[in-house]
Amino acid sequence: MAFKREYQRLTQRTSQMLASTETDNVDFKRDVSGVKSSDIVALANAPHGGTLLIGVDEYTTADGLQRGKVVGCEVDDNARLMIINKATDCYPNVAVQIYIENLKAKPIMRIEVPSGHLKPYCSPRGEYSIRAEGRNRALYPEELLLIFMDSEGDKFLSRFRTAVSQLESQVGSINHSLSSDMLAVAQHIHDLDSQLQRTLGRLARITDSTKKRSRNLLQTLKDSQDSLEKLERFLIDDASFEQRQVAIQRLEDKVDLLLQHCSVLTLEEN
């Protein structure tokens, strides 16, 4: 709604509009007081917006065609403020652009009204209108419904795209987290497998060592048995009968007991 430019003469755009009649996008007004909020609403609800030319009167040519004729109007700050107030009275507010032209002769105002993004617009009295067939007319209920559906559809699509974007981001985070967790679990399994293999290796080495010690012990005992037999023969030759019998019996009992224990240990290890 800010002031844009001032032109000493008519712009080409304005000249083209004056050379034609009022259309769905062009509306002539004699002076600022003739502009109503409903005029701005009608253009804002139009598919391509439109232009208000203030200080232009409509006349009929000799061949019966209607054209615009510059008659001039007030273009001071009060006139601009009146237009701005009309635009802000609309609901929602309409952002218009104000141009001043033909300052060297009869000044006019060109008000550019864009097609609004917040359709449908209405006047302070709650009137919904649109520019069609060179005039303003009320919006029909089905037209209002379509406008509301388009507006809500755009909002829904916008919210849906935002939700999908957030969901994709969350899924990506979850996948990254799951991947990290799975890698950690896989690493733990690998570590446990390594520990198990080391433990089994140690057990195998311990078992082999135990078996070897058992065999060595049996061999030592057998060697001891041979020595005892030699000792027995010596005792027979060098002691009294009763003493030799008691000593030999004690030695035999101890050797038998040791051999039994070693035999059991060997069977368990095998």
C-alpha atoms as a PDB file:
ATOM      1  CA  MET A   1       0.000   0.000   0.000  1.00  0.00           C
ATOM      2  CA  ALA A   2       3.018   2.272  -0.108  1.00  0.00           C
ATOM      3  CA  PHE A   3       3.311   5.145  -2.598  1.00  0.00           C
ATOM      4  CA  LYS A   4       5.208   4.004  -5.653  1.00  0.00           C
ATOM      5  CA  ARG A   5       5.791   6.605  -8.421  1.00  0.00           C
ATOM      6  CA  GLU A   6       4.591   9.817  -9.982  1.00  0.00           C
ATOM      7  CA  TYR A   7       4.497  10.402 -13.730  1.00  0.00           C
ATOM      8  CA  GLN A   8       4.293  13.744 -15.560  1.00  0.00           C
ATOM      9  CA  ARG A   9       2.324  12.148 -18.399  1.00  0.00           C
ATOM     10  CA  LEU A  10       0.125   9.118 -18.893  1.00  0.00           C
ATOM     11  CA  THR A  11       1.963   5.809 -18.918  1.00  0.00           C
ATOM     12  CA  GLN A  12       1.580   3.457 -21.865  1.00  0.00           C
ATOM     13  CA  ARG A  13      -0.321   1.012 -19.649  1.00  0.00           C
ATOM     14  CA  THR A  14      -2.872   3.666 -18.680  1.00  0.00           C
ATOM     15  CA  SER A  15      -3.245   4.884 -22.252  1.00  0.00           C
ATOM     16  CA  GLN A  16      -4.053   1.358 -23.417  1.00  0.00           C
ATOM     17  CA  MET A  17      -6.719   0.979 -20.734  1.00  0.00           C
ATOM     18  CA  LEU A  18      -8.293   4.360 -21.638  1.00  0.00           C
ATOM     19  CA  ALA A  19      -8.494   3.314 -25.287  1.00  0.00           C
ATOM     20  CA  SER A  20     -10.757   0.434 -24.296  1.00  0.00           C
ATOM     21  CA  THR A  21     -13.916   0.030 -22.297  1.00  0.00           C
ATOM     22  CA  GLU A  22     -14.265  -1.166 -18.747  1.00  0.00           C
ATOM     23  CA  THR A  23     -13.428  -4.871 -18.494  1.00  0.00           C
ATOM     24  CA  ASP A  24     -13.168  -7.609 -15.883  1.00  0.00           C
ATOM     25  CA  ASN A  25      -9.857  -6.055 -14.864  1.00  0.00           C
ATOM     26  CA  VAL A  26     -10.415  -2.312 -15.364  1.00  0.00           C
ATOM     27  CA  ASP A  27     -12.818  -0.001 -13.543  1.00  0.00           C
ATOM     28  CA  PHE A  28     -13.173   3.775 -14.184  1.00  0.00           C
ATOM     29  CA  LYS A  29     -14.012   6.143 -11.321  1.00  0.00           C
ATOM     30  CA  ARG A  30     -14.819   9.857 -11.569  1.00  0.00           C
ATOM     31  CA  ASP A  31     -13.205  10.769  -8.238  1.00  0.00           C
ATOM     32  CA  VAL A  32     -11.872   9.230  -5.041  1.00  0.00           C
ATOM     33  CA  SER A  33     -15.201   9.512  -3.241  1.00  0.00           C
ATOM     34  CA  GLY A  34     -16.687   7.119  -5.787  1.00  0.00           C
ATOM     35  CA  VAL A  35     -14.370   4.289  -4.742  1.00  0.00           C
ATOM     36  CA  LYS A  36     -15.870   1.789  -2.310  1.00  0.00           C
ATOM     37  CA  SER A  37     -14.318  -1.086  -0.401  1.00  0.00           C
ATOM     38  CA  SER A  38     -16.495  -3.434  -2.445  1.00  0.00           C
ATOM     39  CA  ASP A  39     -14.739  -2.215  -5.631  1.00  0.00           C
ATOM     40  CA  ILE A  40     -11.366  -3.237  -4.199  1.00  0.00           C
ATOM     41  CA  VAL A  41     -12.824  -6.535  -2.925  1.00  0.00           C
ATOM     42  CA  ALA A  42     -14.233  -7.367  -6.382  1.00  0.00           C
ATOM     43  CA  LEU A  43     -10.815  -6.974  -8.014  1.00  0.00           C
ATOM     44  CA  ALA A  44      -8.978  -8.810  -5.218  1.00  0.00           C
ATOM     45  CA  ASN A  45     -11.333 -11.791  -5.689  1.00  0.00           C
ATOM     46  CA  ALA A  46     -10.795 -11.783  -9.468  1.00  0.00           C
ATOM     47  CA  PRO A  47      -8.394 -14.395 -10.876  1.00  0.00           C
ATOM     48  CA  HIS A  48      -5.928 -11.777 -12.126  1.00  0.00           C
ATOM     49  CA  GLY A  49      -6.750  -8.783  -9.956  1.00  0.00           C
ATOM     50  CA  GLY A  50      -7.330  -5.463 -11.713  1.00  0.00           C
ATOM     51  CA  THR A  51      -6.877  -1.695 -11.926  1.00  0.00           C
ATOM     52  CA  LEU A  52      -8.904   1.276 -10.703  1.00  0.00           C
ATOM     53  CA  LEU A  53      -8.424   4.470 -12.765  1.00  0.00           C
ATOM     54  CA  ILE A  54      -9.578   7.457 -10.671  1.00  0.00           C
ATOM     55  CA  GLY A  55     -10.163  10.779 -12.433  1.00  0.00           C
ATOM     56  CA  VAL A  56     -11.494   9.043 -15.533  1.00  0.00           C
ATOM     57  CA  ASP A  57     -14.997   9.372 -16.878  1.00  0.00           C
ATOM     58  CA  GLU A  58     -16.667   7.008 -19.280  1.00  0.00           C
ATOM     59  CA  TYR A  59     -18.091   8.305 -22.547  1.00  0.00           C
ATOM     60  CA  THR A  60     -19.549   6.847 -25.731  1.00  0.00           C
ATOM     61  CA  THR A  61     -17.849   7.420 -29.044  1.00  0.00           C
ATOM     62  CA  ALA A  62     -19.619   8.252 -32.339  1.00  0.00           C
ATOM     63  CA  ASP A  63     -19.572   4.567 -33.322  1.00  0.00           C
ATOM     64  CA  GLY A  64     -21.215   3.595 -30.037  1.00  0.00           C
ATOM     65  CA  LEU A  65     -18.128   2.324 -28.210  1.00  0.00           C
ATOM     66  CA  GLN A  66     -17.416   3.230 -24.622  1.00  0.00           C
ATOM     67  CA  ARG A  67     -14.047   4.678 -23.754  1.00  0.00           C
ATOM     68  CA  GLY A  68     -12.315   6.352 -20.841  1.00  0.00           C
ATOM     69  CA  LYS A  69     -11.717  10.106 -20.780  1.00  0.00           C
ATOM     70  CA  VAL A  70      -9.335  11.822 -18.391  1.00  0.00           C
ATOM     71  CA  VAL A  71     -11.117  14.445 -16.274  1.00  0.00           C
ATOM     72  CA  GLY A  72      -8.626  14.616 -13.411  1.00  0.00           C
ATOM     73  CA  CYS A  73      -9.029  14.265  -9.640  1.00  0.00           C
ATOM     74  CA  GLU A  74      -7.429  15.230  -6.374  1.00  0.00           C
ATOM     75  CA  VAL A  75      -4.134  13.314  -5.878  1.00  0.00           C
ATOM     76  CA  ASP A  76      -2.942  14.782  -2.590  1.00  0.00           C
ATOM     77  CA  ASP A  77      -2.139  12.887   0.609  1.00  0.00           C
ATOM     78  CA  ASN A  78      -5.791  12.952   1.703  1.00  0.00           C
ATOM     79  CA  ALA A  79      -6.830  11.225  -1.520  1.00  0.00           C
ATOM     80  CA  ARG A  80      -4.149   8.568  -1.081  1.00  0.00           C
ATOM     81  CA  LEU A  81      -5.151   8.041   2.540  1.00  0.00           C
ATOM     82  CA  MET A  82      -8.779   7.539   1.530  1.00  0.00           C
ATOM     83  CA  ILE A  83      -7.757   4.748  -0.864  1.00  0.00           C
ATOM     84  CA  ILE A  84      -5.552   3.122   1.739  1.00  0.00           C
ATOM     85  CA  ASN A  85      -8.381   3.222   4.299  1.00  0.00           C
ATOM     86  CA  LYS A  86     -10.759   1.594   1.790  1.00  0.00           C
ATOM     87  CA  ALA A  87      -8.219  -1.193   1.229  1.00  0.00           C
ATOM     88  CA  THR A  88      -7.627  -1.788   4.934  1.00  0.00           C
ATOM     89  CA  ASP A  89     -11.384  -1.883   5.569  1.00  0.00           C
ATOM     90  CA  CYS A  90     -11.556  -5.040   3.457  1.00  0.00           C
ATOM     91  CA  TYR A  91     -11.352  -8.396   5.153  1.00  0.00           C
ATOM     92  CA  PRO A  92      -8.661  -9.582   4.889  1.00  0.00           C
ATOM     93  CA  ASN A  93      -6.807  -6.359   4.141  1.00  0.00           C
ATOM     94  CA  VAL A  94      -5.858  -5.818   0.511  1.00  0.00           C
ATOM     95  CA  ALA A  95      -2.380  -4.524  -0.396  1.00  0.00           C
ATOM     96  CA  VAL A  96      -2.780  -1.974  -3.191  1.00  0.00           C
ATOM     97  CA  GLN A  97      -0.215   0.044  -5.133  1.00  0.00           C
ATOM     98  CA  ILE A  98      -0.908   3.722  -5.883  1.00  0.00           C
ATOM     99  CA  TYR A  99       0.477   5.558  -8.900  1.00  0.00           C
ATOM    100  CA  ILE A 100      -0.007   9.252  -9.801  1.00  0.00           C
ATOM    101  CA  GLU A 101       0.006  10.124 -13.505  1.00  0.00           C
ATOM    102  CA  ASN A 102      -0.508  13.044 -15.899  1.00  0.00           C
ATOM    103  CA  LEU A 103       0.702  15.644 -13.414  1.00  0.00           C
ATOM    104  CA  LYS A 104       1.371  18.202 -16.165  1.00  0.00           C
ATOM    105  CA  ALA A 105      -2.276  18.236 -17.223  1.00  0.00           C
ATOM    106  CA  LYS A 106      -5.139  16.598 -15.366  1.00  0.00           C
ATOM    107  CA  PRO A 107      -3.707  14.296 -12.668  1.00  0.00           C
ATOM    108  CA  ILE A 108      -5.234  10.863 -12.187  1.00  0.00           C
ATOM    109  CA  MET A 109      -4.626   7.963  -9.807  1.00  0.00           C
ATOM    110  CA  ARG A 110      -3.933   4.417 -10.943  1.00  0.00           C
ATOM    111  CA  ILE A 111      -4.670   1.862  -8.230  1.00  0.00           C
ATOM    112  CA  GLU A 112      -3.284  -1.601  -8.872  1.00  0.00           C
ATOM    113  CA  VAL A 113      -5.169  -4.311  -6.964  1.00  0.00           C
ATOM    114  CA  PRO A 114      -3.447  -7.731  -7.061  1.00  0.00           C
ATOM    115  CA  SER A 115      -5.376 -10.980  -7.034  1.00  0.00           C
ATOM    116  CA  GLY A 116      -5.351 -11.849  -3.327  1.00  0.00           C
ATOM    117  CA  HIS A 117      -3.772 -14.934  -1.805  1.00  0.00           C
ATOM    118  CA  LEU A 118      -6.307 -15.005   1.038  1.00  0.00           C
ATOM    119  CA  LYS A 119      -9.530 -15.301  -0.960  1.00  0.00           C
ATOM    120  CA  PRO A 120     -12.394 -14.793  -0.509  1.00  0.00           C
ATOM    121  CA  TYR A 121     -12.284 -11.115   0.455  1.00  0.00           C
ATOM    122  CA  CYS A 122     -15.315  -9.238   1.720  1.00  0.00           C
ATOM    123  CA  SER A 123     -16.310  -5.643   2.442  1.00  0.00           C
ATOM    124  CA  PRO A 124     -16.801  -4.266   5.988  1.00  0.00           C
ATOM    125  CA  ARG A 125     -20.503  -5.127   5.559  1.00  0.00           C
ATOM    126  CA  GLY A 126     -19.655  -8.776   4.830  1.00  0.00           C
ATOM    127  CA  GLU A 127     -20.368  -8.535   1.091  1.00  0.00           C
ATOM    128  CA  TYR A 128     -18.466 -10.938  -1.170  1.00  0.00           C
ATOM    129  CA  SER A 129     -18.164  -9.649  -4.735  1.00  0.00           C
ATOM    130  CA  ILE A 130     -16.108 -10.214  -7.869  1.00  0.00           C
ATOM    131  CA  ARG A 131     -15.364  -8.246 -11.028  1.00  0.00           C
ATOM    132  CA  ALA A 132     -17.001  -9.961 -14.024  1.00  0.00           C
ATOM    133  CA  GLU A 133     -18.325  -8.798 -17.395  1.00  0.00           C
ATOM    134  CA  GLY A 134     -17.231  -5.220 -16.785  1.00  0.00           C
ATOM    135  CA  ARG A 135     -19.081  -4.829 -13.498  1.00  0.00           C
ATOM    136  CA  ASN A 136     -19.098  -5.911  -9.884  1.00  0.00           C
ATOM    137  CA  ARG A 137     -21.429  -8.708  -8.885  1.00  0.00           C
ATOM    138  CA  ALA A 138     -22.008 -10.809  -5.791  1.00  0.00           C
ATOM    139  CA  LEU A 139     -20.219 -14.145  -5.507  1.00  0.00           C
ATOM    140  CA  TYR A 140     -22.613 -17.069  -5.812  1.00  0.00           C
ATOM    141  CA  PRO A 141     -22.698 -19.651  -2.992  1.00  0.00           C
ATOM    142  CA  GLU A 142     -21.084 -22.323  -5.186  1.00  0.00           C
ATOM    143  CA  GLU A 143     -18.340 -19.880  -6.150  1.00  0.00           C
ATOM    144  CA  LEU A 144     -17.698 -19.061  -2.510  1.00  0.00           C
ATOM    145  CA  LEU A 145     -17.569 -22.779  -1.735  1.00  0.00           C
ATOM    146  CA  LEU A 146     -15.014 -23.373  -4.486  1.00  0.00           C
ATOM    147  CA  ILE A 147     -12.886 -20.475  -3.259  1.00  0.00           C
ATOM    148  CA  PHE A 148     -13.013 -21.770   0.319  1.00  0.00           C
ATOM    149  CA  MET A 149     -12.146 -25.289  -0.852  1.00  0.00           C
ATOM    150  CA  ASP A 150      -9.201 -24.014  -2.909  1.00  0.00           C
ATOM    151  CA  SER A 151      -7.973 -21.945   0.007  1.00  0.00           C
ATOM    152  CA  GLU A 152      -8.319 -24.764   2.528  1.00  0.00           C
ATOM    153  CA  GLY A 153      -6.842 -27.215   0.019  1.00  0.00           C
ATOM    154  CA  ASP A 154      -3.727 -25.066  -0.330  1.00  0.00           C
ATOM    155  CA  LYS A 155      -3.432 -24.800   3.450  1.00  0.00           C
ATOM    156  CA  PHE A 156      -3.879 -28.555   3.814  1.00  0.00           C
ATOM    157  CA  LEU A 157      -1.237 -29.278   1.156  1.00  0.00           C
ATOM    158  CA  SER A 158       1.136 -26.868   2.847  1.00  0.00           C
ATOM    159  CA  ARG A 159       0.605 -28.496   6.251  1.00  0.00           C
ATOM    160  CA  PHE A 160       0.819 -31.963   4.668  1.00  0.00           C
ATOM    161  CA  ARG A 161       4.118 -31.172   2.952  1.00  0.00           C
ATOM    162  CA  THR A 162       5.479 -29.803   6.222  1.00  0.00           C
ATOM    163  CA  ALA A 163       4.331 -32.922   8.107  1.00  0.00           C
ATOM    164  CA  VAL A 164       5.832 -35.221   5.457  1.00  0.00           C
ATOM    165  CA  SER A 165       9.101 -33.314   5.569  1.00  0.00           C
ATOM    166  CA  GLN A 166       9.214 -33.599   9.367  1.00  0.00           C
ATOM    167  CA  LEU A 167       8.311 -37.308   9.197  1.00  0.00           C
ATOM    168  CA  GLU A 168      11.044 -37.977   6.638  1.00  0.00           C
ATOM    169  CA  SER A 169      13.512 -36.197   8.879  1.00  0.00           C
ATOM    170  CA  GLN A 170      12.382 -38.217  11.912  1.00  0.00           C
ATOM    171  CA  VAL A 171      12.504 -41.499   9.965  1.00  0.00           C
ATOM    172  CA  GLY A 172      15.997 -40.615   8.807  1.00  0.00           C
ATOM    173  CA  SER A 173      17.025 -39.971  12.412  1.00  0.00           C
ATOM    174  CA  ILE A 174      15.441 -43.249  13.532  1.00  0.00           C
ATOM    175  CA  ASN A 175      17.166 -45.171  10.747  1.00  0.00           C
ATOM    176  CA  HIS A 176      20.484 -43.571  11.666  1.00  0.00           C
ATOM    177  CA  SER A 177      19.902 -44.431  15.324  1.00  0.00           C
ATOM    178  CA  LEU A 178      18.885 -48.002  14.474  1.00  0.00           C
ATOM    179  CA  SER A 179      21.914 -48.406  12.255  1.00  0.00           C
ATOM    180  CA  SER A 180      24.167 -47.164  15.044  1.00  0.00           C
ATOM    181  CA  ASP A 181      22.472 -49.490  17.554  1.00  0.00           C
ATOM    182  CA  MET A 182      22.737 -52.471  15.190  1.00  0.00           C
ATOM    183  CA  LEU A 183      26.418 -51.776  14.633  1.00  0.00           C
ATOM    184  CA  ALA A 184      26.920 -51.618  18.383  1.00  0.00           C
ATOM    185  CA  VAL A 185      25.049 -54.916  18.879  1.00  0.00           C
ATOM    186  CA  ALA A 186      27.043 -56.539  16.082  1.00  0.00           C
ATOM    187  CA  GLN A 187      30.266 -55.324  17.694  1.00  0.00           C
ATOM    188  CA  HIS A 188      29.174 -56.736  21.066  1.00  0.00           C
ATOM    189  CA  ILE A 189      28.377 -60.078  19.443  1.00  0.00           C
ATOM    190  CA  HIS A 190      31.784 -60.085  17.750  1.00  0.00           C
ATOM    191  CA  ASP A 191      33.495 -59.289  21.067  1.00  0.00           C
ATOM    192  CA  LEU A 192      31.579 -62.040  22.860  1.00  0.00           C
ATOM    193  CA  ASP A 193      32.442 -64.529  20.118  1.00  0.00           C
ATOM    194  CA  SER A 194      36.116 -63.605  20.398  1.00  0.00           C
ATOM    195  CA  GLN A 195      35.988 -63.992  24.171  1.00  0.00           C
ATOM    196  CA  LEU A 196      34.281 -67.377  23.813  1.00  0.00           C
ATOM    197  CA  GLN A 197      36.886 -68.585  21.336  1.00  0.00           C
ATOM    198  CA  ARG A 198      39.683 -67.463  23.659  1.00  0.00           C
ATOM    199  CA  THR A 199      37.996 -69.191  26.619  1.00  0.00           C
ATOM    200  CA  LEU A 200      37.517 -72.438  24.693  1.00  0.00           C
ATOM    201  CA  GLY A 201      41.149 -72.309  23.634  1.00  0.00           C
ATOM    202  CA  ARG A 202      42.251 -71.824  27.198  1.00  0.00           C
ATOM    203  CA  LEU A 203      40.047 -74.704  28.359  1.00  0.00           C
ATOM    204  CA  ALA A 204      41.503 -76.928  25.682  1.00  0.00           C
ATOM    205  CA  ARG A 205      45.004 -75.987  26.713  1.00  0.00           C
ATOM    206  CA  ILE A 206      44.113 -76.526  30.395  1.00  0.00           C
ATOM    207  CA  THR A 207      42.574 -79.933  29.609  1.00  0.00           C
ATOM    208  CA  ASP A 208      45.581 -81.000  27.569  1.00  0.00           C
ATOM    209  CA  SER A 209      47.881 -79.854  30.317  1.00  0.00           C
ATOM    210  CA  THR A 210      45.830 -81.712  32.941  1.00  0.00           C
ATOM    211  CA  LYS A 211      45.854 -84.905  30.910  1.00  0.00           C
ATOM    212  CA  LYS A 212      49.585 -84.588  30.451  1.00  0.00           C
ATOM    213  CA  ARG A 213      50.113 -84.025  34.170  1.00  0.00           C
ATOM    214  CA  SER A 214      47.942 -87.088  34.938  1.00  0.00           C
ATOM    215  CA  ARG A 215      49.915 -89.247  32.560  1.00  0.00           C
ATOM    216  CA  ASN A 216      53.178 -87.977  34.027  1.00  0.00           C
ATOM    217  CA  LEU A 217      51.897 -88.696  37.511  1.00  0.00           C
ATOM    218  CA  LEU A 218      50.918 -92.263  36.561  1.00  0.00           C
ATOM    219  CA  GLN A 219      54.291 -92.817  34.996  1.00  0.00           C
ATOM    220  CA  THR A 220      55.988 -91.499  38.136  1.00  0.00           C
ATOM    221  CA  LEU A 221      53.887 -93.797  40.291  1.00  0.00           C
ATOM    222  CA  LYS A 222      54.702 -96.779  38.125  1.00  0.00           C
ATOM    223  CA  ASP A 223      58.365 -95.906  38.368  1.00  0.00           C
ATOM    224  CA  SER A 224      57.898 -95.660  42.124  1.00  0.00           C
ATOM    225  CA  GLN A 225      56.249 -99.060  42.099  1.00  0.00           C
ATOM    226  CA  ASP A 226      59.319-100.548  40.448  1.00  0.00           C
ATOM    227  CA  SER A 227      61.471 -98.906  43.058  1.00  0.00           C
ATOM    228  CA  LEU A 228      59.258-100.318  45.791  1.00  0.00           C
ATOM    229  CA  GLU A 229      59.538-103.778  44.363  1.00  0.00           C
ATOM    230  CA  LYS A 230      63.290-103.442  44.450  1.00  0.00           C
ATOM    231  CA  LEU A 231      62.997-102.221  48.020  1.00  0.00           C
ATOM    232  CA  GLU A 232      60.800-105.200  48.832  1.00  0.00           C
ATOM    233  CA  ARG A 233      63.383-107.606  47.593  1.00  0.00           C
ATOM    234  CA  PHE A 234      66.026-105.811  49.594  1.00  0.00           C
ATOM    235  CA  LEU A 235      63.935-106.001  52.749  1.00  0.00           C
ATOM    236  CA  ILE A 236      63.354-109.671  52.281  1.00  0.00           C
ATOM    237  CA  ASP A 237      67.092-110.225  52.217  1.00  0.00           C
ATOM    238  CA  ASP A 238      67.941-107.837  55.073  1.00  0.00           C
ATOM    239  CA  ALA A 239      65.242-107.863  57.821  1.00  0.00           C
ATOM    240  CA  SER A 240      63.263-110.130  60.055  1.00  0.00           C
ATOM    241  CA  PHE A 241      60.176-111.754  58.570  1.00  0.00           C
ATOM    242  CA  GLU A 242      57.566-109.919  60.712  1.00  0.00           C
ATOM    243  CA  GLN A 243      59.088-106.476  60.188  1.00  0.00           C
ATOM    244  CA  ARG A 244      59.448-107.004  56.458  1.00  0.00           C
ATOM    245  CA  GLN A 245      55.802-108.076  56.155  1.00  0.00           C
ATOM    246  CA  VAL A 246      54.437-105.014  58.014  1.00  0.00           C
ATOM    247  CA  ALA A 247      56.581-102.550  56.051  1.00  0.00           C
ATOM    248  CA  ILE A 248      55.785-104.146  52.723  1.00  0.00           C
ATOM    249  CA  GLN A 249      52.032-104.181  53.455  1.00  0.00           C
ATOM    250  CA  ARG A 250      52.007-100.482  54.346  1.00  0.00           C
ATOM    251  CA  LEU A 251      53.884 -99.560  51.187  1.00  0.00           C
ATOM    252  CA  GLU A 252      51.614-101.681  49.024  1.00  0.00           C
ATOM    253  CA  ASP A 253      48.472-100.065  50.539  1.00  0.00           C
ATOM    254  CA  LYS A 254      49.757 -96.556  49.880  1.00  0.00           C
ATOM    255  CA  VAL A 255      50.772 -97.343  46.325  1.00  0.00           C
ATOM    256  CA  ASP A 256      47.410 -98.979  45.557  1.00  0.00           C
ATOM    257  CA  LEU A 257      45.537 -95.943  46.909  1.00  0.00           C
ATOM    258  CA  LEU A 258      47.588 -93.532  44.800  1.00  0.00           C
ATOM    259  CA  LEU A 259      47.093 -95.670  41.702  1.00  0.00           C
ATOM    260  CA  GLN A 260      43.318 -95.720  42.259  1.00  0.00           C
ATOM    261  CA  HIS A 261      43.110 -91.934  42.537  1.00  0.00           C
ATOM    262  CA  CYS A 262      45.219 -91.416  39.444  1.00  0.00           C
ATOM    263  CA  SER A 263      43.167 -93.937  37.434  1.00  0.00           C
ATOM    264  CA  VAL A 264      39.920 -92.114  38.330  1.00  0.00           C
ATOM    265  CA  LEU A 265      41.419 -88.729  37.380  1.00  0.00           C
ATOM    266  CA  THR A 266      42.577 -90.080  34.041  1.00  0.00           C
ATOM    267  CA  LEU A 267      39.114 -91.516  33.249  1.00  0.00           C
ATOM    268  CA  GLU A 268      37.440 -88.178  34.056  1.00  0.00           C
ATOM    269  CA  GLU A 269      39.818 -86.232  31.817  1.00  0.00           C
ATOM    270  CA  ASN A 270      39.254 -88.672  28.915  1.00  0.00           C
END
